C-alpha atoms as a PDB file:
ATOM      1  CA  MET A   1     198.118 -66.023  56.292  1.00  0.00           C
ATOM      2  CA  LYS A   2     197.063 -67.589  59.587  1.00  0.00           C
ATOM      3  CA  SER A   3     194.265 -70.126  59.177  1.00  0.00           C
ATOM      4  CA  ALA A   4     190.928 -68.356  59.572  1.00  0.00           C
ATOM      5  CA  ASP A   5     188.776 -71.530  59.548  1.00  0.00           C
ATOM      6  CA  VAL A   6     186.623 -70.180  56.722  1.00  0.00           C
ATOM      7  CA  ASN A   7     185.053 -72.395  54.060  1.00  0.00           C
ATOM      8  CA  VAL A   8     183.813 -70.980  50.741  1.00  0.00           C
ATOM      9  CA  SER A   9     181.508 -73.434  48.959  1.00  0.00           C
ATOM     10  CA  PHE A  10     180.193 -73.019  45.395  1.00  0.00           C
ATOM     11  CA  TYR A  11     176.642 -74.174  44.653  1.00  0.00           C
ATOM     12  CA  GLY A  12     175.946 -72.109  41.524  1.00  0.00           C
ATOM     13  CA  VAL A  13     178.570 -70.600  39.197  1.00  0.00           C
ATOM     14  CA  ARG A  14     176.667 -70.042  35.933  1.00  0.00           C
ATOM     15  CA  GLY A  15     175.493 -66.652  34.672  1.00  0.00           C
ATOM     16  CA  SER A  16     172.262 -65.430  33.085  1.00  0.00           C
ATOM     17  CA  THR A  17     170.216 -68.643  33.079  1.00  0.00           C
ATOM     18  CA  PRO A  18     170.452 -72.143  34.540  1.00  0.00           C
ATOM     19  CA  CYS A  19     171.523 -74.711  31.954  1.00  0.00           C
ATOM     20  CA  HIS A  20     171.821 -78.411  32.675  1.00  0.00           C
ATOM     21  CA  CYS A  21     173.237 -80.815  30.131  1.00  0.00           C
ATOM     22  CA  SER A  22     175.954 -83.440  30.028  1.00  0.00           C
ATOM     23  CA  SER A  23     178.457 -81.074  28.406  1.00  0.00           C
ATOM     24  CA  MET A  24     178.307 -78.794  31.462  1.00  0.00           C
ATOM     25  CA  ASN A  25     178.475 -81.353  34.256  1.00  0.00           C
ATOM     26  CA  ARG A  26     181.978 -80.472  35.477  1.00  0.00           C
ATOM     27  CA  PHE A  27     181.524 -76.730  35.872  1.00  0.00           C
ATOM     28  CA  GLY A  28     177.793 -76.963  36.529  1.00  0.00           C
ATOM     29  CA  GLY A  29     174.687 -75.192  35.316  1.00  0.00           C
ATOM     30  CA  ASN A  30     173.131 -73.615  38.405  1.00  0.00           C
ATOM     31  CA  THR A  31     173.168 -69.848  38.758  1.00  0.00           C
ATOM     32  CA  SER A  32     174.986 -67.750  41.325  1.00  0.00           C
ATOM     33  CA  CYS A  33     175.138 -69.044  44.886  1.00  0.00           C
ATOM     34  CA  VAL A  34     178.232 -69.161  47.117  1.00  0.00           C
ATOM     35  CA  VAL A  35     178.216 -70.008  50.824  1.00  0.00           C
ATOM     36  CA  VAL A  36     180.810 -68.493  53.156  1.00  0.00           C
ATOM     37  CA  GLN A  37     180.992 -69.964  56.631  1.00  0.00           C
ATOM     38  CA  ARG A  38     183.386 -69.354  59.447  1.00  0.00           C
ATOM     39  CA  GLN A  39     183.644 -71.906  62.200  1.00  0.00           C
ATOM     40  CA  ASP A  40     181.006 -71.329  64.914  1.00  0.00           C
ATOM     41  CA  GLU A  41     179.232 -68.596  62.892  1.00  0.00           C
ATOM     42  CA  ASP A  42     176.012 -68.630  60.876  1.00  0.00           C
ATOM     43  CA  PRO A  43     176.535 -68.954  57.119  1.00  0.00           C
ATOM     44  CA  ILE A  44     176.655 -65.997  54.763  1.00  0.00           C
ATOM     45  CA  ILE A  45     175.109 -66.815  51.394  1.00  0.00           C
ATOM     46  CA  LEU A  46     176.196 -64.781  48.387  1.00  0.00           C
ATOM     47  CA  ASP A  47     173.280 -64.529  45.949  1.00  0.00           C
ATOM     48  CA  ALA A  48     170.166 -66.682  45.748  1.00  0.00           C
ATOM     49  CA  GLY A  49     170.387 -68.194  42.274  1.00  0.00           C
ATOM     50  CA  THR A  50     169.217 -71.717  41.537  1.00  0.00           C
ATOM     51  CA  GLY A  51     172.243 -73.098  43.388  1.00  0.00           C
ATOM     52  CA  LEU A  52     170.570 -72.064  46.661  1.00  0.00           C
ATOM     53  CA  ARG A  53     168.200 -75.016  46.465  1.00  0.00           C
ATOM     54  CA  PHE A  54     171.143 -77.405  46.295  1.00  0.00           C
ATOM     55  CA  PHE A  55     172.829 -75.788  49.293  1.00  0.00           C
ATOM     56  CA  GLY A  56     169.611 -76.412  51.198  1.00  0.00           C
ATOM     57  CA  LEU A  57     169.513 -80.052  50.136  1.00  0.00           C
ATOM     58  CA  ASP A  58     173.223 -80.578  50.783  1.00  0.00           C
ATOM     59  CA  SER A  59     173.276 -78.951  54.223  1.00  0.00           C
ATOM     60  CA  GLY A  60     171.154 -81.596  55.921  1.00  0.00           C
ATOM     61  CA  LEU A  61     169.591 -78.894  58.097  1.00  0.00           C
ATOM     62  CA  ASP A  62     165.902 -78.893  58.873  1.00  0.00           C
ATOM     63  CA  HIS A  63     165.915 -75.135  59.380  1.00  0.00           C
ATOM     64  CA  PHE A  64     168.206 -72.234  58.556  1.00  0.00           C
ATOM     65  CA  SER A  65     169.590 -69.240  60.405  1.00  0.00           C
ATOM     66  CA  GLY A  66     171.820 -66.874  58.474  1.00  0.00           C
ATOM     67  CA  THR A  67     172.169 -64.060  55.960  1.00  0.00           C
ATOM     68  CA  VAL A  68     171.759 -63.868  52.191  1.00  0.00           C
ATOM     69  CA  LEU A  69     173.611 -61.041  50.421  1.00  0.00           C
ATOM     70  CA  VAL A  70     171.953 -60.380  47.060  1.00  0.00           C
ATOM     71  CA  THR A  71     173.962 -58.368  44.545  1.00  0.00           C
ATOM     72  CA  HIS A  72     170.994 -57.346  42.387  1.00  0.00           C
ATOM     73  CA  LEU A  73     167.527 -58.405  41.322  1.00  0.00           C
ATOM     74  CA  HIS A  74     168.189 -60.107  37.992  1.00  0.00           C
ATOM     75  CA  TRP A  75     166.549 -63.538  37.870  1.00  0.00           C
ATOM     76  CA  ASP A  76     169.783 -65.529  37.926  1.00  0.00           C
ATOM     77  CA  HIS A  77     170.601 -64.061  41.345  1.00  0.00           C
ATOM     78  CA  ILE A  78     167.237 -64.466  43.118  1.00  0.00           C
ATOM     79  CA  GLN A  79     165.382 -67.303  41.392  1.00  0.00           C
ATOM     80  CA  GLY A  80     166.396 -69.879  43.989  1.00  0.00           C
ATOM     81  CA  LEU A  81     165.054 -68.037  47.036  1.00  0.00           C
ATOM     82  CA  PRO A  82     161.481 -69.417  47.054  1.00  0.00           C
ATOM     83  CA  PHE A  83     162.879 -72.915  46.397  1.00  0.00           C
ATOM     84  CA  PHE A  84     165.241 -72.856  49.410  1.00  0.00           C
ATOM     85  CA  PRO A  85     163.823 -75.885  51.276  1.00  0.00           C
ATOM     86  CA  GLN A  86     164.625 -74.614  54.770  1.00  0.00           C
ATOM     87  CA  LEU A  87     162.232 -71.671  54.285  1.00  0.00           C
ATOM     88  CA  LEU A  88     159.416 -74.192  54.580  1.00  0.00           C
ATOM     89  CA  HIS A  89     160.380 -74.707  58.249  1.00  0.00           C
ATOM     90  CA  PRO A  90     158.764 -72.280  60.716  1.00  0.00           C
ATOM     91  CA  ASN A  91     161.935 -72.036  62.816  1.00  0.00           C
ATOM     92  CA  SER A  92     164.013 -70.670  59.925  1.00  0.00           C
ATOM     93  CA  THR A  93     165.169 -67.050  60.034  1.00  0.00           C
ATOM     94  CA  ALA A  94     166.803 -65.557  56.952  1.00  0.00           C
ATOM     95  CA  THR A  95     168.038 -61.981  56.709  1.00  0.00           C
ATOM     96  CA  VAL A  96     168.102 -61.096  53.010  1.00  0.00           C
ATOM     97  CA  ILE A  97     170.084 -57.958  52.139  1.00  0.00           C
ATOM     98  CA  GLY A  98     170.278 -56.188  48.801  1.00  0.00           C
ATOM     99  CA  PRO A  99     170.368 -52.840  47.002  1.00  0.00           C
ATOM    100  CA  PRO A 100     167.257 -50.663  46.906  1.00  0.00           C
ATOM    101  CA  GLU A 101     165.846 -49.676  43.556  1.00  0.00           C
ATOM    102  CA  LYS A 102     165.589 -45.975  42.738  1.00  0.00           C
ATOM    103  CA  ASP A 103     161.807 -46.022  43.195  1.00  0.00           C
ATOM    104  CA  ALA A 104     161.342 -48.933  45.633  1.00  0.00           C
ATOM    105  CA  SER A 105     162.988 -50.607  48.575  1.00  0.00           C
ATOM    106  CA  PHE A 106     164.863 -53.859  48.015  1.00  0.00           C
ATOM    107  CA  GLY A 107     162.124 -55.683  49.911  1.00  0.00           C
ATOM    108  CA  ASP A 108     159.291 -54.192  47.874  1.00  0.00           C
ATOM    109  CA  ALA A 109     161.057 -54.977  44.603  1.00  0.00           C
ATOM    110  CA  LEU A 110     161.823 -58.580  45.610  1.00  0.00           C
ATOM    111  CA  THR A 111     158.310 -59.325  46.881  1.00  0.00           C
ATOM    112  CA  ALA A 112     156.884 -57.933  43.636  1.00  0.00           C
ATOM    113  CA  PHE A 113     158.713 -60.761  41.851  1.00  0.00           C
ATOM    114  CA  VAL A 114     157.841 -63.586  44.274  1.00  0.00           C
ATOM    115  CA  ARG A 115     154.044 -63.376  44.167  1.00  0.00           C
ATOM    116  CA  PRO A 116     151.181 -64.236  41.814  1.00  0.00           C
ATOM    117  CA  PRO A 117     150.985 -64.192  38.835  1.00  0.00           C
ATOM    118  CA  TYR A 118     154.792 -64.613  38.570  1.00  0.00           C
ATOM    119  CA  PHE A 119     154.959 -67.238  41.342  1.00  0.00           C
ATOM    120  CA  PRO A 120     152.183 -69.338  42.896  1.00  0.00           C
ATOM    121  CA  VAL A 121     152.377 -67.657  46.332  1.00  0.00           C
ATOM    122  CA  GLY A 122     153.825 -64.550  47.914  1.00  0.00           C
ATOM    123  CA  ILE A 123     157.085 -64.714  49.822  1.00  0.00           C
ATOM    124  CA  ASP A 124     155.172 -63.880  53.015  1.00  0.00           C
ATOM    125  CA  VAL A 125     153.339 -67.223  52.772  1.00  0.00           C
ATOM    126  CA  LEU A 126     156.530 -69.220  53.307  1.00  0.00           C
ATOM    127  CA  PRO A 127     156.616 -70.518  56.919  1.00  0.00           C
ATOM    128  CA  GLY A 128     160.156 -69.336  57.625  1.00  0.00           C
ATOM    129  CA  LYS A 129     160.776 -65.769  58.767  1.00  0.00           C
ATOM    130  CA  ILE A 130     162.394 -63.599  56.099  1.00  0.00           C
ATOM    131  CA  GLU A 131     163.660 -60.101  56.886  1.00  0.00           C
ATOM    132  CA  LEU A 132     164.386 -57.942  53.830  1.00  0.00           C
ATOM    133  CA  ILE A 133     166.913 -55.127  54.314  1.00  0.00           C
ATOM    134  CA  ASP A 134     168.274 -52.368  52.062  1.00  0.00           C
ATOM    135  CA  LEU A 135     172.043 -51.916  51.933  1.00  0.00           C
ATOM    136  CA  TRP A 136     173.704 -49.447  49.569  1.00  0.00           C
ATOM    137  CA  GLU A 137     177.143 -47.838  49.845  1.00  0.00           C
ATOM    138  CA  GLU A 138     177.486 -48.691  53.535  1.00  0.00           C
ATOM    139  CA  SER A 139     178.709 -51.346  55.946  1.00  0.00           C
ATOM    140  CA  THR A 140     177.068 -53.660  58.438  1.00  0.00           C
ATOM    141  CA  SER A 141     178.055 -56.537  60.725  1.00  0.00           C
ATOM    142  CA  VAL A 142     177.184 -60.110  59.713  1.00  0.00           C
ATOM    143  CA  ALA A 143     178.351 -63.329  61.408  1.00  0.00           C
ATOM    144  CA  GLY A 144     181.158 -61.490  63.185  1.00  0.00           C
ATOM    145  CA  ALA A 145     182.414 -59.968  59.912  1.00  0.00           C
ATOM    146  CA  THR A 146     182.226 -56.462  58.512  1.00  0.00           C
ATOM    147  CA  VAL A 147     180.255 -56.481  55.268  1.00  0.00           C
ATOM    148  CA  THR A 148     180.819 -53.483  52.993  1.00  0.00           C
ATOM    149  CA  THR A 149     178.891 -52.655  49.820  1.00  0.00           C
ATOM    150  CA  ARG A 150     179.833 -50.452  46.901  1.00  0.00           C
ATOM    151  CA  PRO A 151     178.000 -49.991  43.581  1.00  0.00           C
ATOM    152  CA  VAL A 152     179.386 -52.072  40.726  1.00  0.00           C
ATOM    153  CA  PRO A 153     178.928 -51.063  37.060  1.00  0.00           C
ATOM    154  CA  HIS A 154     176.296 -53.421  35.586  1.00  0.00           C
ATOM    155  CA  GLN A 155     172.769 -53.198  34.181  1.00  0.00           C
ATOM    156  CA  GLY A 156     170.664 -51.780  37.015  1.00  0.00           C
ATOM    157  CA  ARG A 157     171.599 -51.141  40.625  1.00  0.00           C
ATOM    158  CA  THR A 158     174.155 -53.722  41.684  1.00  0.00           C
ATOM    159  CA  ASN A 159     176.056 -54.271  44.923  1.00  0.00           C
ATOM    160  CA  GLY A 160     179.524 -55.694  45.199  1.00  0.00           C
ATOM    161  CA  TYR A 161     180.356 -57.098  48.637  1.00  0.00           C
ATOM    162  CA  ARG A 162     183.440 -57.235  50.797  1.00  0.00           C
ATOM    163  CA  ILE A 163     183.343 -59.632  53.757  1.00  0.00           C
ATOM    164  CA  GLU A 164     186.124 -59.060  56.254  1.00  0.00           C
ATOM    165  CA  TRP A 165     187.200 -60.715  59.442  1.00  0.00           C
ATOM    166  CA  PRO A 166     190.500 -59.668  61.075  1.00  0.00           C
ATOM    167  CA  ASP A 167     192.310 -62.638  59.496  1.00  0.00           C
ATOM    168  CA  PHE A 168     190.404 -63.200  56.230  1.00  0.00           C
ATOM    169  CA  SER A 169     188.790 -61.074  53.538  1.00  0.00           C
ATOM    170  CA  LEU A 170     186.721 -61.845  50.459  1.00  0.00           C
ATOM    171  CA  ALA A 171     185.252 -59.699  47.681  1.00  0.00           C
ATOM    172  CA  TYR A 172     182.288 -60.863  45.611  1.00  0.00           C
ATOM    173  CA  ILE A 173     181.766 -59.109  42.261  1.00  0.00           C
ATOM    174  CA  PRO A 174     179.870 -61.576  40.046  1.00  0.00           C
ATOM    175  CA  ASP A 175     178.564 -59.069  37.450  1.00  0.00           C
ATOM    176  CA  HIS A 176     180.857 -56.274  36.266  1.00  0.00           C
ATOM    177  CA  GLN A 177     180.581 -54.184  33.116  1.00  0.00           C
ATOM    178  CA  GLN A 178     183.976 -53.982  31.430  1.00  0.00           C
ATOM    179  CA  PRO A 179     184.609 -50.374  30.335  1.00  0.00           C
ATOM    180  CA  GLU A 180     185.686 -49.408  26.824  1.00  0.00           C
ATOM    181  CA  ASP A 181     189.014 -48.422  28.355  1.00  0.00           C
ATOM    182  CA  SER A 182     189.940 -51.837  29.682  1.00  0.00           C
ATOM    183  CA  THR A 183     192.778 -50.401  31.761  1.00  0.00           C
ATOM    184  CA  PHE A 184     190.274 -48.519  33.958  1.00  0.00           C
ATOM    185  CA  VAL A 185     188.712 -50.103  37.048  1.00  0.00           C
ATOM    186  CA  ASP A 186     185.920 -48.436  38.988  1.00  0.00           C
ATOM    187  CA  PRO A 187     187.249 -47.045  42.308  1.00  0.00           C
ATOM    188  CA  GLY A 188     184.451 -48.731  44.265  1.00  0.00           C
ATOM    189  CA  VAL A 189     185.391 -52.112  42.830  1.00  0.00           C
ATOM    190  CA  LEU A 190     189.032 -51.567  43.767  1.00  0.00           C
ATOM    191  CA  GLU A 191     187.996 -50.552  47.272  1.00  0.00           C
ATOM    192  CA  LEU A 192     186.040 -53.785  47.712  1.00  0.00           C
ATOM    193  CA  ALA A 193     188.833 -55.969  46.333  1.00  0.00           C
ATOM    194  CA  ASN A 194     191.794 -54.184  47.899  1.00  0.00           C
ATOM    195  CA  GLY A 195     194.205 -56.782  49.300  1.00  0.00           C
ATOM    196  CA  VAL A 196     191.586 -59.515  49.691  1.00  0.00           C
ATOM    197  CA  ASP A 197     192.517 -63.123  50.226  1.00  0.00           C
ATOM    198  CA  LEU A 198     189.847 -64.201  47.709  1.00  0.00           C
ATOM    199  CA  LEU A 199     188.221 -62.271  44.863  1.00  0.00           C
ATOM    200  CA  ILE A 200     185.218 -63.947  43.205  1.00  0.00           C
ATOM    201  CA  HIS A 201     184.766 -62.062  39.949  1.00  0.00           C
ATOM    202  CA  ASP A 202     182.720 -62.028  36.753  1.00  0.00           C
ATOM    203  CA  SER A 203     184.500 -63.645  33.777  1.00  0.00           C
ATOM    204  CA  GLN A 204     181.524 -64.372  31.551  1.00  0.00           C
ATOM    205  CA  PHE A 205     182.541 -63.151  28.091  1.00  0.00           C
ATOM    206  CA  THR A 206     185.371 -64.048  25.785  1.00  0.00           C
ATOM    207  CA  PRO A 207     186.855 -60.988  24.017  1.00  0.00           C
ATOM    208  CA  GLU A 208     184.902 -61.978  20.896  1.00  0.00           C
ATOM    209  CA  LEU A 209     181.599 -62.217  22.775  1.00  0.00           C
ATOM    210  CA  LEU A 210     182.271 -58.934  24.547  1.00  0.00           C
ATOM    211  CA  LYS A 211     182.479 -57.167  21.182  1.00  0.00           C
ATOM    212  CA  LYS A 212     178.960 -58.385  20.365  1.00  0.00           C
ATOM    213  CA  ARG A 213     177.552 -57.665  23.831  1.00  0.00           C
ATOM    214  CA  GLN A 214     179.495 -54.604  24.905  1.00  0.00           C
ATOM    215  CA  ASP A 215     176.692 -53.181  27.060  1.00  0.00           C
ATOM    216  CA  TRP A 216     175.344 -56.403  28.592  1.00  0.00           C
ATOM    217  CA  GLY A 217     177.110 -55.799  31.894  1.00  0.00           C
ATOM    218  CA  HIS A 218     179.885 -58.391  31.961  1.00  0.00           C
ATOM    219  CA  CYS A 219     183.611 -58.752  31.370  1.00  0.00           C
ATOM    220  CA  THR A 220     186.342 -61.091  30.180  1.00  0.00           C
ATOM    221  CA  PRO A 221     188.598 -63.328  32.278  1.00  0.00           C
ATOM    222  CA  GLU A 222     191.515 -61.112  31.213  1.00  0.00           C
ATOM    223  CA  TYR A 223     189.797 -58.067  32.696  1.00  0.00           C
ATOM    224  CA  ALA A 224     189.076 -60.001  35.902  1.00  0.00           C
ATOM    225  CA  VAL A 225     192.818 -60.705  36.162  1.00  0.00           C
ATOM    226  CA  HIS A 226     193.503 -56.995  35.633  1.00  0.00           C
ATOM    227  CA  VAL A 227     191.137 -56.119  38.507  1.00  0.00           C
ATOM    228  CA  ALA A 228     192.804 -58.696  40.762  1.00  0.00           C
ATOM    229  CA  GLN A 229     196.277 -57.403  39.926  1.00  0.00           C
ATOM    230  CA  LEU A 230     195.407 -53.757  40.579  1.00  0.00           C
ATOM    231  CA  ALA A 231     193.658 -54.650  43.819  1.00  0.00           C
ATOM    232  CA  GLY A 232     196.415 -56.953  45.034  1.00  0.00           C
ATOM    233  CA  ALA A 233     194.110 -59.946  45.542  1.00  0.00           C
ATOM    234  CA  SER A 234     195.813 -63.182  46.555  1.00  0.00           C
ATOM    235  CA  THR A 235     193.430 -65.597  44.815  1.00  0.00           C
ATOM    236  CA  LEU A 236     191.096 -64.869  41.893  1.00  0.00           C
ATOM    237  CA  CYS A 237     188.088 -67.129  41.355  1.00  0.00           C
ATOM    238  CA  LEU A 238     186.677 -66.828  37.808  1.00  0.00           C
ATOM    239  CA  PHE A 239     182.884 -66.897  38.069  1.00  0.00           C
ATOM    240  CA  HIS A 240     179.512 -66.405  36.330  1.00  0.00           C
ATOM    241  CA  HIS A 241     180.227 -68.618  33.308  1.00  0.00           C
ATOM    242  CA  ASP A 242     178.290 -67.942  30.130  1.00  0.00           C
ATOM    243  CA  PRO A 243     175.507 -70.417  29.222  1.00  0.00           C
ATOM    244  CA  LEU A 244     177.062 -70.714  25.751  1.00  0.00           C
ATOM    245  CA  HIS A 245     180.272 -72.158  27.214  1.00  0.00           C
ATOM    246  CA  ASN A 246     180.393 -75.875  27.972  1.00  0.00           C
ATOM    247  CA  ASP A 247     183.096 -77.619  29.993  1.00  0.00           C
ATOM    248  CA  ASP A 248     185.538 -78.070  27.115  1.00  0.00           C
ATOM    249  CA  MET A 249     185.124 -74.457  26.020  1.00  0.00           C
ATOM    250  CA  LEU A 250     185.735 -73.191  29.554  1.00  0.00           C
ATOM    251  CA  ASP A 251     188.865 -75.345  29.802  1.00  0.00           C
ATOM    252  CA  GLY A 252     190.155 -73.672  26.652  1.00  0.00           C
ATOM    253  CA  ILE A 253     189.176 -70.167  27.743  1.00  0.00           C
ATOM    254  CA  PHE A 254     190.990 -70.476  31.051  1.00  0.00           C
ATOM    255  CA  ALA A 255     194.021 -72.498  29.878  1.00  0.00           C
ATOM    256  CA  ASP A 256     196.227 -69.585  28.818  1.00  0.00           C
ATOM    257  CA  LEU A 257     195.473 -67.578  31.957  1.00  0.00           C
ATOM    258  CA  MET A 258     196.248 -70.558  34.168  1.00  0.00           C
ATOM    259  CA  SER A 259     199.684 -70.915  32.581  1.00  0.00           C
ATOM    260  CA  THR A 260     200.592 -67.208  32.703  1.00  0.00           C
ATOM    261  CA  GLU A 261     202.356 -65.459  35.573  1.00  0.00           C
ATOM    262  CA  THR A 262     199.697 -63.092  36.909  1.00  0.00           C
ATOM    263  CA  GLY A 263     200.836 -62.444  40.467  1.00  0.00           C
ATOM    264  CA  CYS A 264     197.799 -64.180  41.946  1.00  0.00           C
ATOM    265  CA  GLU A 265     196.451 -67.703  42.089  1.00  0.00           C
ATOM    266  CA  ILE A 266     193.662 -68.291  39.535  1.00  0.00           C
ATOM    267  CA  VAL A 267     190.869 -70.769  40.251  1.00  0.00           C
ATOM    268  CA  PRO A 268     187.942 -71.325  37.842  1.00  0.00           C
ATOM    269  CA  ALA A 269     184.713 -71.720  39.826  1.00  0.00           C
ATOM    270  CA  ALA A 270     182.881 -75.033  39.600  1.00  0.00           C
ATOM    271  CA  GLU A 271     179.826 -76.404  41.359  1.00  0.00           C
ATOM    272  CA  GLY A 272     180.798 -78.502  44.356  1.00  0.00           C
ATOM    273  CA  MET A 273     184.141 -76.752  44.776  1.00  0.00           C
ATOM    274  CA  LYS A 274     185.124 -75.784  48.305  1.00  0.00           C
ATOM    275  CA  LEU A 275     187.983 -73.468  49.218  1.00  0.00           C
ATOM    276  CA  SER A 276     189.279 -73.464  52.777  1.00  0.00           C
ATOM    277  CA  PHE A 277     191.266 -70.676  54.425  1.00  0.00           C
END
């Protein structure tokens, strides 16, 4: 593939809840936040988990201009938004896109969470300008790329995203309910991941944990590999690590997959990791 000058940086790779302790330092404990940036374009942020704060601190920017693509409204995917330091600057402009709820717009549902008594102030009090937009089963243009959404099986309305420039494509599917028939993959998921250069995919549960939490909305690393193989993805990034799994456990979980011929490159996600294309 011709170099597309795209950097994919990981600021939060943990699922469900942030968890910080010495046994998780290598993979990290912040929740979902990935930054995709093409040279000379504004950044695209995938989810606003607690990792978003660290992107803000790391960037060195006094203000922000760009887009945040939120997959769904579970806490681990939005909790970092009011702590994004650049939103305290009046010159910041953030377009935040996500799926509407059945009985409320995405914006109404998000602002219901970021306001008293659940948070000290409403999101409208932050000095930066925040535009909240619904996106569901459609496409839009962001930072020169085509962004496509399709519903992903999970608990509650959940978007998966495909970001596509002419010379680079990425699919982001951080929460994905593994079906009882583990050979089946939802057609919308396959559409998002079809032929992508990079697939960032849920791999939260071991097979043993999946048996105990069959309807919690997640899948195994083995199922993530199956999705990548059917879709023809070039690189699979295993993502959304369970808070029960420390660094040594994750090393063990991923070891067999890393040594098996799967037809795609496998990369376990870790905070601070940057992939360049």
